Amino acid sequence: MARQSPQRPDADEPELDETDASAAADEVEVDRPAADRTLWDEVRIDPVEIALPAGTGFTLRAYRTARELTPTDVAERDEDDPFLARRQVVETEEDEEVVILDEEFAALSAEKDDEDEEKDGGRAGGRRRGKTGDAGAETDDDEAEEAEAEDDEDDAGDEEVPVFLSHKGRLLLFKTPESLVTFIRSGAPNDLSQLDSWNELSERLEPADIAPLDEDTYELDLVVENLRGGHDAWDPALLIEAGEIARDLSYALRLPAVLDMLSAGSSLDDLDEALRASVNGGIGGFLGRRRLKKIGAQTASLGWRTIVGKISAVVDWRD
């Protein structure tokens, strides 16, 4: 059958030029109502959309002071997954925590760690004490350390930390807004139910309210592939946002290995700092781009592959 050519507009109907077409598109955008944020602002909870290799889902996140929250219980999660528990085990050695990381990433990071140790060589690692035999001075030091520790605990308690719609150490992700709302209305146990605004949210929430802001939408499924593309292909916004959600999830879901991989001074933290600097103008942006050139693409992609894998392993998908 001969392919039919597209119909031409009637001669009496004027064609829209590019300016008119653009104006029509703008008019459509103007007519589209923005999502109502009143409920979310009142309950201080936000909808979040996260894309992982297994799919995209919706969940909720809030920030509260640490003293207001009871951390998620991961005992059952780690018992159900001995492999996860073994890879996250924390061994105590000379009062110092050692976290077991992904072997490939740890091997590639070893050279950087050796360089850091050479820079720090010769510096004492133990706590400073009073003079030997001076019991009074040592007691004063201990009391000062205890007071300082108490102050640090108070400061930590006042710090805002993330909490997600999770249960027993697993992130609850929903394929549709409707399934998310159904779960919230069901009264099923979860870590957000401890918030004083939870009951109000469960009573008022509708599927149309599940409309995450752009800054609350994360594409973890694209991170590894983007890093493999090489320095020139790296997307700063994608990678910076991935770092933010990974830190939040690893804290809230108690994933110490991921927290360690993203901690200050790590190779992935160096990547994050360089990316943030690169998006700035002027000399700061120039220096940030230079720093990025020195970061190994293979190390970065392997590290993020590990992070995405560990987060995916603690996701409970709900249809």
C-alpha atoms as a PDB file:
ATOM      1  CA  MET A   1       0.000   0.000   0.000  1.00  0.00           C
ATOM      2  CA  ALA A   2       1.360   3.387  -0.955  1.00  0.00           C
ATOM      3  CA  ARG A   3       2.326   5.575   1.960  1.00  0.00           C
ATOM      4  CA  GLN A   4      -0.096   8.495   2.273  1.00  0.00           C
ATOM      5  CA  SER A   5       1.371  11.950   2.439  1.00  0.00           C
ATOM      6  CA  PRO A   6       0.351  14.083   5.415  1.00  0.00           C
ATOM      7  CA  GLN A   7      -2.652  16.304   4.805  1.00  0.00           C
ATOM      8  CA  ARG A   8      -1.920  19.942   4.203  1.00  0.00           C
ATOM      9  CA  PRO A   9      -3.918  22.563   6.044  1.00  0.00           C
ATOM     10  CA  ASP A  10      -6.698  24.196   4.100  1.00  0.00           C
ATOM     11  CA  ALA A  11      -5.731  27.288   2.225  1.00  0.00           C
ATOM     12  CA  ASP A  12      -8.210  29.319   4.253  1.00  0.00           C
ATOM     13  CA  GLU A  13      -6.561  28.283   7.542  1.00  0.00           C
ATOM     14  CA  PRO A  14      -3.441  30.334   8.347  1.00  0.00           C
ATOM     15  CA  GLU A  15      -0.393  28.340   9.394  1.00  0.00           C
ATOM     16  CA  LEU A  16       1.126  29.036  12.802  1.00  0.00           C
ATOM     17  CA  ASP A  17       4.603  30.459  12.586  1.00  0.00           C
ATOM     18  CA  GLU A  18       7.270  29.576  15.163  1.00  0.00           C
ATOM     19  CA  THR A  19       6.420  32.586  17.317  1.00  0.00           C
ATOM     20  CA  ASP A  20       2.740  31.624  17.503  1.00  0.00           C
ATOM     21  CA  ALA A  21       3.621  27.999  18.234  1.00  0.00           C
ATOM     22  CA  SER A  22       5.922  29.051  21.060  1.00  0.00           C
ATOM     23  CA  ALA A  23       3.248  31.311  22.515  1.00  0.00           C
ATOM     24  CA  ALA A  24       0.717  28.469  22.370  1.00  0.00           C
ATOM     25  CA  ALA A  25       3.116  26.170  24.203  1.00  0.00           C
ATOM     26  CA  ASP A  26       3.709  28.813  26.867  1.00  0.00           C
ATOM     27  CA  GLU A  27      -0.038  29.218  27.267  1.00  0.00           C
ATOM     28  CA  VAL A  28      -0.401  25.464  27.892  1.00  0.00           C
ATOM     29  CA  GLU A  29       2.296  25.651  30.560  1.00  0.00           C
ATOM     30  CA  VAL A  30       0.590  28.605  32.209  1.00  0.00           C
ATOM     31  CA  ASP A  31      -2.763  26.807  32.254  1.00  0.00           C
ATOM     32  CA  ARG A  32      -1.230  23.751  33.955  1.00  0.00           C
ATOM     33  CA  PRO A  33      -1.719  24.192  37.722  1.00  0.00           C
ATOM     34  CA  ALA A  34       1.267  23.742  39.990  1.00  0.00           C
ATOM     35  CA  ALA A  35       1.085  21.030  42.635  1.00  0.00           C
ATOM     36  CA  ASP A  36      -0.315  22.262  45.929  1.00  0.00           C
ATOM     37  CA  ARG A  37       2.453  22.188  48.554  1.00  0.00           C
ATOM     38  CA  THR A  38       0.317  23.320  51.479  1.00  0.00           C
ATOM     39  CA  LEU A  39      -0.039  19.872  53.048  1.00  0.00           C
ATOM     40  CA  TRP A  40       3.641  19.022  52.744  1.00  0.00           C
ATOM     41  CA  ASP A  41       4.698  22.340  54.243  1.00  0.00           C
ATOM     42  CA  GLU A  42       2.365  21.845  57.200  1.00  0.00           C
ATOM     43  CA  VAL A  43       3.439  18.284  58.047  1.00  0.00           C
ATOM     44  CA  ARG A  44       7.121  18.906  57.178  1.00  0.00           C
ATOM     45  CA  ILE A  45       7.363  15.739  55.112  1.00  0.00           C
ATOM     46  CA  ASP A  46       8.131  15.537  51.383  1.00  0.00           C
ATOM     47  CA  PRO A  47       7.391  13.054  48.600  1.00  0.00           C
ATOM     48  CA  VAL A  48      10.521  11.693  46.932  1.00  0.00           C
ATOM     49  CA  GLU A  49      11.023   9.857  43.639  1.00  0.00           C
ATOM     50  CA  ILE A  50      14.020   7.542  43.295  1.00  0.00           C
ATOM     51  CA  ALA A  51      15.083   5.709  40.140  1.00  0.00           C
ATOM     52  CA  LEU A  52      17.135   2.538  40.682  1.00  0.00           C
ATOM     53  CA  PRO A  53      18.242  -0.160  38.220  1.00  0.00           C
ATOM     54  CA  ALA A  54      15.167  -2.210  39.221  1.00  0.00           C
ATOM     55  CA  GLY A  55      12.724   0.620  38.543  1.00  0.00           C
ATOM     56  CA  THR A  56      11.388   3.945  39.768  1.00  0.00           C
ATOM     57  CA  GLY A  57       9.378   4.412  42.923  1.00  0.00           C
ATOM     58  CA  PHE A  58       7.890   6.956  45.305  1.00  0.00           C
ATOM     59  CA  THR A  59       8.573   7.277  49.008  1.00  0.00           C
ATOM     60  CA  LEU A  60       8.577   9.949  51.721  1.00  0.00           C
ATOM     61  CA  ARG A  61      11.383  11.765  53.547  1.00  0.00           C
ATOM     62  CA  ALA A  62      11.476  14.136  56.496  1.00  0.00           C
ATOM     63  CA  TYR A  63      14.162  15.908  58.504  1.00  0.00           C
ATOM     64  CA  ARG A  64      13.987  16.097  62.278  1.00  0.00           C
ATOM     65  CA  THR A  65      16.481  16.597  65.088  1.00  0.00           C
ATOM     66  CA  ALA A  66      18.244  13.379  66.051  1.00  0.00           C
ATOM     67  CA  ARG A  67      16.847  13.499  69.583  1.00  0.00           C
ATOM     68  CA  GLU A  68      13.281  13.325  68.177  1.00  0.00           C
ATOM     69  CA  LEU A  69      13.838  10.083  66.261  1.00  0.00           C
ATOM     70  CA  THR A  70      14.173   6.415  67.076  1.00  0.00           C
ATOM     71  CA  PRO A  71      16.522   4.859  64.476  1.00  0.00           C
ATOM     72  CA  THR A  72      15.194   2.076  62.285  1.00  0.00           C
ATOM     73  CA  ASP A  73      15.775  -1.430  63.655  1.00  0.00           C
ATOM     74  CA  VAL A  74      18.087  -3.341  61.297  1.00  0.00           C
ATOM     75  CA  ALA A  75      18.477  -6.520  63.360  1.00  0.00           C
ATOM     76  CA  GLU A  76      15.905  -8.501  61.377  1.00  0.00           C
ATOM     77  CA  ARG A  77      17.191  -7.179  58.046  1.00  0.00           C
ATOM     78  CA  ASP A  78      20.755  -8.270  58.724  1.00  0.00           C
ATOM     79  CA  GLU A  79      19.656 -11.668  60.038  1.00  0.00           C
ATOM     80  CA  ASP A  80      17.680 -12.280  56.844  1.00  0.00           C
ATOM     81  CA  ASP A  81      20.667 -11.316  54.692  1.00  0.00           C
ATOM     82  CA  PRO A  82      23.911 -12.766  56.145  1.00  0.00           C
ATOM     83  CA  PHE A  83      25.858 -11.487  53.121  1.00  0.00           C
ATOM     84  CA  LEU A  84      24.746  -7.920  53.796  1.00  0.00           C
ATOM     85  CA  ALA A  85      25.529  -8.293  57.497  1.00  0.00           C
ATOM     86  CA  ARG A  86      29.009  -9.643  56.762  1.00  0.00           C
ATOM     87  CA  ARG A  87      29.859  -6.877  54.309  1.00  0.00           C
ATOM     88  CA  GLN A  88      28.749  -4.230  56.791  1.00  0.00           C
ATOM     89  CA  VAL A  89      30.338  -5.788  59.870  1.00  0.00           C
ATOM     90  CA  VAL A  90      32.307  -3.346  61.967  1.00  0.00           C
ATOM     91  CA  GLU A  91      35.376  -4.740  63.693  1.00  0.00           C
ATOM     92  CA  THR A  92      36.958  -3.017  66.664  1.00  0.00           C
ATOM     93  CA  GLU A  93      40.700  -2.724  66.448  1.00  0.00           C
ATOM     94  CA  GLU A  94      42.599  -0.489  68.863  1.00  0.00           C
ATOM     95  CA  ASP A  95      39.449   1.530  69.541  1.00  0.00           C
ATOM     96  CA  GLU A  96      39.169   2.346  65.841  1.00  0.00           C
ATOM     97  CA  GLU A  97      36.281   1.298  63.614  1.00  0.00           C
ATOM     98  CA  VAL A  98      37.219  -0.558  60.432  1.00  0.00           C
ATOM     99  CA  VAL A  99      34.450  -0.916  57.848  1.00  0.00           C
ATOM    100  CA  ILE A 100      34.730  -3.631  55.210  1.00  0.00           C
ATOM    101  CA  LEU A 101      34.116  -2.127  51.770  1.00  0.00           C
ATOM    102  CA  ASP A 102      33.624  -3.591  48.320  1.00  0.00           C
ATOM    103  CA  GLU A 103      36.864  -5.397  47.420  1.00  0.00           C
ATOM    104  CA  GLU A 104      37.312  -3.878  43.950  1.00  0.00           C
ATOM    105  CA  PHE A 105      36.706  -0.350  45.173  1.00  0.00           C
ATOM    106  CA  ALA A 106      38.930  -0.861  48.215  1.00  0.00           C
ATOM    107  CA  ALA A 107      41.767  -2.123  46.011  1.00  0.00           C
ATOM    108  CA  LEU A 108      41.561   0.882  43.695  1.00  0.00           C
ATOM    109  CA  SER A 109      41.412   3.238  46.687  1.00  0.00           C
ATOM    110  CA  ALA A 110      44.414   1.641  48.412  1.00  0.00           C
ATOM    111  CA  GLU A 111      46.931   3.768  46.544  1.00  0.00           C
ATOM    112  CA  LYS A 112      45.218   6.985  47.631  1.00  0.00           C
ATOM    113  CA  ASP A 113      45.072   5.745  51.238  1.00  0.00           C
ATOM    114  CA  ASP A 114      48.813   4.980  51.163  1.00  0.00           C
ATOM    115  CA  GLU A 115      49.531   8.508  49.972  1.00  0.00           C
ATOM    116  CA  ASP A 116      47.429   9.938  52.786  1.00  0.00           C
ATOM    117  CA  GLU A 117      49.276   7.807  55.329  1.00  0.00           C
ATOM    118  CA  GLU A 118      52.641   9.058  54.032  1.00  0.00           C
ATOM    119  CA  LYS A 119      51.461  12.644  54.483  1.00  0.00           C
ATOM    120  CA  ASP A 120      50.334  11.852  58.035  1.00  0.00           C
ATOM    121  CA  GLY A 121      53.442   9.804  58.872  1.00  0.00           C
ATOM    122  CA  GLY A 122      55.113  10.490  62.180  1.00  0.00           C
ATOM    123  CA  ARG A 123      52.029  11.883  63.865  1.00  0.00           C
ATOM    124  CA  ALA A 124      50.852  10.163  67.046  1.00  0.00           C
ATOM    125  CA  GLY A 125      47.512   8.393  66.840  1.00  0.00           C
ATOM    126  CA  GLY A 126      46.533   7.934  70.497  1.00  0.00           C
ATOM    127  CA  ARG A 127      44.707  10.256  72.820  1.00  0.00           C
ATOM    128  CA  ARG A 128      46.789  12.855  74.600  1.00  0.00           C
ATOM    129  CA  ARG A 129      47.267  12.202  78.304  1.00  0.00           C
ATOM    130  CA  GLY A 130      48.690  14.085  81.251  1.00  0.00           C
ATOM    131  CA  LYS A 131      52.233  13.426  82.379  1.00  0.00           C
ATOM    132  CA  THR A 132      52.925   9.912  83.653  1.00  0.00           C
ATOM    133  CA  GLY A 133      52.454   9.738  87.378  1.00  0.00           C
ATOM    134  CA  ASP A 134      50.516  13.007  87.534  1.00  0.00           C
ATOM    135  CA  ALA A 135      47.163  11.593  88.644  1.00  0.00           C
ATOM    136  CA  GLY A 136      45.605  15.020  89.139  1.00  0.00           C
ATOM    137  CA  ALA A 137      46.436  16.194  85.629  1.00  0.00           C
ATOM    138  CA  GLU A 138      45.170  12.940  84.114  1.00  0.00           C
ATOM    139  CA  THR A 139      41.898  13.218  86.056  1.00  0.00           C
ATOM    140  CA  ASP A 140      41.447  16.776  84.829  1.00  0.00           C
ATOM    141  CA  ASP A 141      42.036  15.612  81.265  1.00  0.00           C
ATOM    142  CA  ASP A 142      39.465  12.831  81.653  1.00  0.00           C
ATOM    143  CA  GLU A 143      36.879  15.216  83.079  1.00  0.00           C
ATOM    144  CA  ALA A 144      37.516  17.697  80.270  1.00  0.00           C
ATOM    145  CA  GLU A 145      37.123  14.936  77.688  1.00  0.00           C
ATOM    146  CA  GLU A 146      33.865  13.769  79.297  1.00  0.00           C
ATOM    147  CA  ALA A 147      32.491  17.315  79.316  1.00  0.00           C
ATOM    148  CA  GLU A 148      33.502  17.769  75.684  1.00  0.00           C
ATOM    149  CA  ALA A 149      31.853  14.452  74.773  1.00  0.00           C
ATOM    150  CA  GLU A 150      28.619  15.547  76.482  1.00  0.00           C
ATOM    151  CA  ASP A 151      28.671  18.835  74.550  1.00  0.00           C
ATOM    152  CA  ASP A 152      29.201  16.918  71.300  1.00  0.00           C
ATOM    153  CA  GLU A 153      26.241  14.657  72.112  1.00  0.00           C
ATOM    154  CA  ASP A 154      24.038  17.680  72.782  1.00  0.00           C
ATOM    155  CA  ASP A 155      25.087  19.242  69.475  1.00  0.00           C
ATOM    156  CA  ALA A 156      24.452  15.959  67.658  1.00  0.00           C
ATOM    157  CA  GLY A 157      21.001  15.723  69.215  1.00  0.00           C
ATOM    158  CA  ASP A 158      20.095  19.156  67.859  1.00  0.00           C
ATOM    159  CA  GLU A 159      21.283  18.341  64.325  1.00  0.00           C
ATOM    160  CA  GLU A 160      18.587  17.635  61.744  1.00  0.00           C
ATOM    161  CA  VAL A 161      18.864  14.163  60.235  1.00  0.00           C
ATOM    162  CA  PRO A 162      16.867  12.349  57.532  1.00  0.00           C
ATOM    163  CA  VAL A 163      14.182   9.731  58.106  1.00  0.00           C
ATOM    164  CA  PHE A 164      12.364   7.887  55.310  1.00  0.00           C
ATOM    165  CA  LEU A 165       9.244   5.821  54.851  1.00  0.00           C
ATOM    166  CA  SER A 166      11.022   2.638  55.903  1.00  0.00           C
ATOM    167  CA  HIS A 167      10.531  -0.362  58.174  1.00  0.00           C
ATOM    168  CA  LYS A 168      13.079  -2.588  59.888  1.00  0.00           C
ATOM    169  CA  GLY A 169      15.950  -1.134  57.900  1.00  0.00           C
ATOM    170  CA  ARG A 170      14.303  -1.385  54.492  1.00  0.00           C
ATOM    171  CA  LEU A 171      13.239   1.513  52.288  1.00  0.00           C
ATOM    172  CA  LEU A 172       9.626   1.241  51.145  1.00  0.00           C
ATOM    173  CA  LEU A 173       9.293   2.228  47.474  1.00  0.00           C
ATOM    174  CA  PHE A 174       5.945   2.354  45.665  1.00  0.00           C
ATOM    175  CA  LYS A 175       5.456   2.109  41.911  1.00  0.00           C
ATOM    176  CA  THR A 176       2.421   4.419  41.872  1.00  0.00           C
ATOM    177  CA  PRO A 177       1.111   7.329  43.968  1.00  0.00           C
ATOM    178  CA  GLU A 178      -2.073   5.344  44.574  1.00  0.00           C
ATOM    179  CA  SER A 179      -0.247   2.427  46.166  1.00  0.00           C
ATOM    180  CA  LEU A 180       1.767   4.817  48.348  1.00  0.00           C
ATOM    181  CA  VAL A 181      -1.371   6.547  49.608  1.00  0.00           C
ATOM    182  CA  THR A 182      -3.098   3.212  50.226  1.00  0.00           C
ATOM    183  CA  PHE A 183      -0.183   2.078  52.382  1.00  0.00           C
ATOM    184  CA  ILE A 184      -0.122   5.306  54.388  1.00  0.00           C
ATOM    185  CA  ARG A 185      -3.869   5.102  55.067  1.00  0.00           C
ATOM    186  CA  SER A 186      -3.592   1.432  56.082  1.00  0.00           C
ATOM    187  CA  GLY A 187      -1.891   2.211  59.369  1.00  0.00           C
ATOM    188  CA  ALA A 188       0.908  -0.285  58.657  1.00  0.00           C
ATOM    189  CA  PRO A 189       4.009   0.144  60.842  1.00  0.00           C
ATOM    190  CA  ASN A 190       6.806   2.315  59.492  1.00  0.00           C
ATOM    191  CA  ASP A 191       9.525   4.648  60.758  1.00  0.00           C
ATOM    192  CA  LEU A 192       7.691   7.857  59.824  1.00  0.00           C
ATOM    193  CA  SER A 193       4.716   7.014  62.031  1.00  0.00           C
ATOM    194  CA  GLN A 194       6.700   8.281  65.035  1.00  0.00           C
ATOM    195  CA  LEU A 195       6.392  11.859  63.722  1.00  0.00           C
ATOM    196  CA  ASP A 196       3.765  14.040  65.384  1.00  0.00           C
ATOM    197  CA  SER A 197       2.400  15.092  61.979  1.00  0.00           C
ATOM    198  CA  TRP A 198       1.954  11.555  60.638  1.00  0.00           C
ATOM    199  CA  ASN A 199      -1.717  11.164  61.572  1.00  0.00           C
ATOM    200  CA  GLU A 200      -2.612  14.431  59.873  1.00  0.00           C
ATOM    201  CA  LEU A 201      -0.825  13.347  56.697  1.00  0.00           C
ATOM    202  CA  SER A 202      -2.550   9.961  56.631  1.00  0.00           C
ATOM    203  CA  GLU A 203      -5.958  11.618  56.980  1.00  0.00           C
ATOM    204  CA  ARG A 204      -5.512  14.305  54.328  1.00  0.00           C
ATOM    205  CA  LEU A 205      -3.214  12.749  51.699  1.00  0.00           C
ATOM    206  CA  GLU A 206      -4.524  12.127  48.176  1.00  0.00           C
ATOM    207  CA  PRO A 207      -2.730  10.521  45.184  1.00  0.00           C
ATOM    208  CA  ALA A 208      -2.623  13.896  43.399  1.00  0.00           C
ATOM    209  CA  ASP A 209      -0.442  15.220  46.239  1.00  0.00           C
ATOM    210  CA  ILE A 210       2.361  12.796  45.349  1.00  0.00           C
ATOM    211  CA  ALA A 211       4.197  15.180  43.028  1.00  0.00           C
ATOM    212  CA  PRO A 212       7.882  15.403  44.061  1.00  0.00           C
ATOM    213  CA  LEU A 213       9.745  18.615  43.360  1.00  0.00           C
ATOM    214  CA  ASP A 214      12.654  18.506  40.914  1.00  0.00           C
ATOM    215  CA  GLU A 215      15.125  18.673  43.811  1.00  0.00           C
ATOM    216  CA  ASP A 216      13.426  15.629  45.376  1.00  0.00           C
ATOM    217  CA  THR A 217      13.785  13.484  42.241  1.00  0.00           C
ATOM    218  CA  TYR A 218      16.902  11.316  42.015  1.00  0.00           C
ATOM    219  CA  GLU A 219      18.238   9.138  39.201  1.00  0.00           C
ATOM    220  CA  LEU A 220      20.590   6.642  40.824  1.00  0.00           C
ATOM    221  CA  ASP A 221      20.090   4.327  37.870  1.00  0.00           C
ATOM    222  CA  LEU A 222      22.084   6.672  35.608  1.00  0.00           C
ATOM    223  CA  VAL A 223      25.068   7.363  37.858  1.00  0.00           C
ATOM    224  CA  VAL A 224      27.361   4.433  37.045  1.00  0.00           C
ATOM    225  CA  GLU A 225      26.828   4.716  33.287  1.00  0.00           C
ATOM    226  CA  ASN A 226      27.470   8.449  33.411  1.00  0.00           C
ATOM    227  CA  LEU A 227      30.754   7.965  35.269  1.00  0.00           C
ATOM    228  CA  ARG A 228      31.862   5.298  32.809  1.00  0.00           C
ATOM    229  CA  GLY A 229      31.458   7.820  30.008  1.00  0.00           C
ATOM    230  CA  GLY A 230      34.606   9.627  31.099  1.00  0.00           C
ATOM    231  CA  HIS A 231      35.317  13.069  32.548  1.00  0.00           C
ATOM    232  CA  ASP A 232      33.881  15.022  29.620  1.00  0.00           C
ATOM    233  CA  ALA A 233      30.533  13.234  29.926  1.00  0.00           C
ATOM    234  CA  TRP A 234      30.093  13.628  33.671  1.00  0.00           C
ATOM    235  CA  ASP A 235      26.850  15.359  34.686  1.00  0.00           C
ATOM    236  CA  PRO A 236      27.546  17.442  37.833  1.00  0.00           C
ATOM    237  CA  ALA A 237      23.887  17.912  38.781  1.00  0.00           C
ATOM    238  CA  LEU A 238      23.120  14.182  38.446  1.00  0.00           C
ATOM    239  CA  LEU A 239      26.154  13.129  40.499  1.00  0.00           C
ATOM    240  CA  ILE A 240      25.813  15.786  43.209  1.00  0.00           C
ATOM    241  CA  GLU A 241      22.135  14.929  43.755  1.00  0.00           C
ATOM    242  CA  ALA A 242      23.006  11.229  43.829  1.00  0.00           C
ATOM    243  CA  GLY A 243      25.510  11.915  46.593  1.00  0.00           C
ATOM    244  CA  GLU A 244      22.901  13.800  48.614  1.00  0.00           C
ATOM    245  CA  ILE A 245      20.266  11.052  48.484  1.00  0.00           C
ATOM    246  CA  ALA A 246      22.855   8.297  49.058  1.00  0.00           C
ATOM    247  CA  ARG A 247      24.088  10.028  52.216  1.00  0.00           C
ATOM    248  CA  ASP A 248      20.537  10.492  53.470  1.00  0.00           C
ATOM    249  CA  LEU A 249      19.594   6.874  52.768  1.00  0.00           C
ATOM    250  CA  SER A 250      22.762   5.410  54.244  1.00  0.00           C
ATOM    251  CA  TYR A 251      22.230   7.389  57.450  1.00  0.00           C
ATOM    252  CA  ALA A 252      18.514   6.677  57.786  1.00  0.00           C
ATOM    253  CA  LEU A 253      18.793   2.983  56.821  1.00  0.00           C
ATOM    254  CA  ARG A 254      21.977   2.454  58.834  1.00  0.00           C
ATOM    255  CA  LEU A 255      24.367   1.438  56.057  1.00  0.00           C
ATOM    256  CA  PRO A 256      27.786   2.135  57.632  1.00  0.00           C
ATOM    257  CA  ALA A 257      29.770   0.907  54.635  1.00  0.00           C
ATOM    258  CA  VAL A 258      28.072   3.435  52.340  1.00  0.00           C
ATOM    259  CA  LEU A 259      28.520   6.230  54.876  1.00  0.00           C
ATOM    260  CA  ASP A 260      32.212   5.417  55.041  1.00  0.00           C
ATOM    261  CA  MET A 261      32.596   5.426  51.257  1.00  0.00           C
ATOM    262  CA  LEU A 262      31.065   8.927  51.117  1.00  0.00           C
ATOM    263  CA  SER A 263      32.725  10.286  54.264  1.00  0.00           C
ATOM    264  CA  ALA A 264      34.941  13.366  54.290  1.00  0.00           C
ATOM    265  CA  GLY A 265      38.327  12.657  52.753  1.00  0.00           C
ATOM    266  CA  SER A 266      37.209   9.614  50.750  1.00  0.00           C
ATOM    267  CA  SER A 267      37.779   9.461  47.000  1.00  0.00           C
ATOM    268  CA  LEU A 268      34.042   9.788  46.310  1.00  0.00           C
ATOM    269  CA  ASP A 269      33.820  12.783  48.627  1.00  0.00           C
ATOM    270  CA  ASP A 270      36.715  14.335  46.679  1.00  0.00           C
ATOM    271  CA  LEU A 271      34.679  13.743  43.519  1.00  0.00           C
ATOM    272  CA  ASP A 272      31.658  15.441  45.079  1.00  0.00           C
ATOM    273  CA  GLU A 273      33.685  18.461  46.201  1.00  0.00           C
ATOM    274  CA  ALA A 274      35.299  18.824  42.773  1.00  0.00           C
ATOM    275  CA  LEU A 275      31.922  18.598  41.041  1.00  0.00           C
ATOM    276  CA  ARG A 276      30.458  21.284  43.288  1.00  0.00           C
ATOM    277  CA  ALA A 277      33.425  23.541  42.611  1.00  0.00           C
ATOM    278  CA  SER A 278      33.266  22.912  38.848  1.00  0.00           C
ATOM    279  CA  VAL A 279      29.744  24.315  38.520  1.00  0.00           C
ATOM    280  CA  ASN A 280      30.828  27.632  40.005  1.00  0.00           C
ATOM    281  CA  GLY A 281      32.128  30.375  37.801  1.00  0.00           C
ATOM    282  CA  GLY A 282      35.512  32.052  37.961  1.00  0.00           C
ATOM    283  CA  ILE A 283      38.729  30.607  39.309  1.00  0.00           C
ATOM    284  CA  GLY A 284      36.868  28.225  41.640  1.00  0.00           C
ATOM    285  CA  GLY A 285      35.125  26.558  38.731  1.00  0.00           C
ATOM    286  CA  PHE A 286      38.387  26.322  36.795  1.00  0.00           C
ATOM    287  CA  LEU A 287      40.181  24.672  39.722  1.00  0.00           C
ATOM    288  CA  GLY A 288      37.240  22.309  40.248  1.00  0.00           C
ATOM    289  CA  ARG A 289      37.409  21.142  36.649  1.00  0.00           C
ATOM    290  CA  ARG A 290      41.150  20.579  36.992  1.00  0.00           C
ATOM    291  CA  ARG A 291      40.575  18.458  40.096  1.00  0.00           C
ATOM    292  CA  LEU A 292      38.010  16.377  38.240  1.00  0.00           C
ATOM    293  CA  LYS A 293      40.586  15.468  35.596  1.00  0.00           C
ATOM    294  CA  LYS A 294      42.718  13.857  38.313  1.00  0.00           C
ATOM    295  CA  ILE A 295      39.941  11.591  39.603  1.00  0.00           C
ATOM    296  CA  GLY A 296      39.935   8.086  38.168  1.00  0.00           C
ATOM    297  CA  ALA A 297      36.762   7.290  36.248  1.00  0.00           C
ATOM    298  CA  GLN A 298      37.124   3.567  36.975  1.00  0.00           C
ATOM    299  CA  THR A 299      37.462   4.085  40.717  1.00  0.00           C
ATOM    300  CA  ALA A 300      34.472   6.442  40.770  1.00  0.00           C
ATOM    301  CA  SER A 301      32.232   4.124  38.722  1.00  0.00           C
ATOM    302  CA  LEU A 302      33.152   1.061  40.797  1.00  0.00           C
ATOM    303  CA  GLY A 303      32.520   2.950  44.009  1.00  0.00           C
ATOM    304  CA  TRP A 304      29.114   4.137  42.867  1.00  0.00           C
ATOM    305  CA  ARG A 305      28.235   0.693  41.545  1.00  0.00           C
ATOM    306  CA  THR A 306      28.823  -0.595  45.064  1.00  0.00           C
ATOM    307  CA  ILE A 307      26.726   2.173  46.634  1.00  0.00           C
ATOM    308  CA  VAL A 308      23.778   1.687  44.278  1.00  0.00           C
ATOM    309  CA  GLY A 309      23.975  -2.057  44.858  1.00  0.00           C
ATOM    310  CA  LYS A 310      23.934  -1.718  48.635  1.00  0.00           C
ATOM    311  CA  ILE A 311      20.991   0.691  48.547  1.00  0.00           C
ATOM    312  CA  SER A 312      19.086  -1.547  46.112  1.00  0.00           C
ATOM    313  CA  ALA A 313      19.648  -4.500  48.437  1.00  0.00           C
ATOM    314  CA  VAL A 314      17.637  -2.824  51.229  1.00  0.00           C
ATOM    315  CA  VAL A 315      14.686  -1.663  49.118  1.00  0.00           C
ATOM    316  CA  ASP A 316      11.265  -3.222  49.698  1.00  0.00           C
ATOM    317  CA  TRP A 317       9.316  -2.689  46.459  1.00  0.00           C
ATOM    318  CA  ARG A 318       5.575  -2.256  46.873  1.00  0.00           C
ATOM    319  CA  ASP A 319       3.253  -2.334  43.842  1.00  0.00           C
END
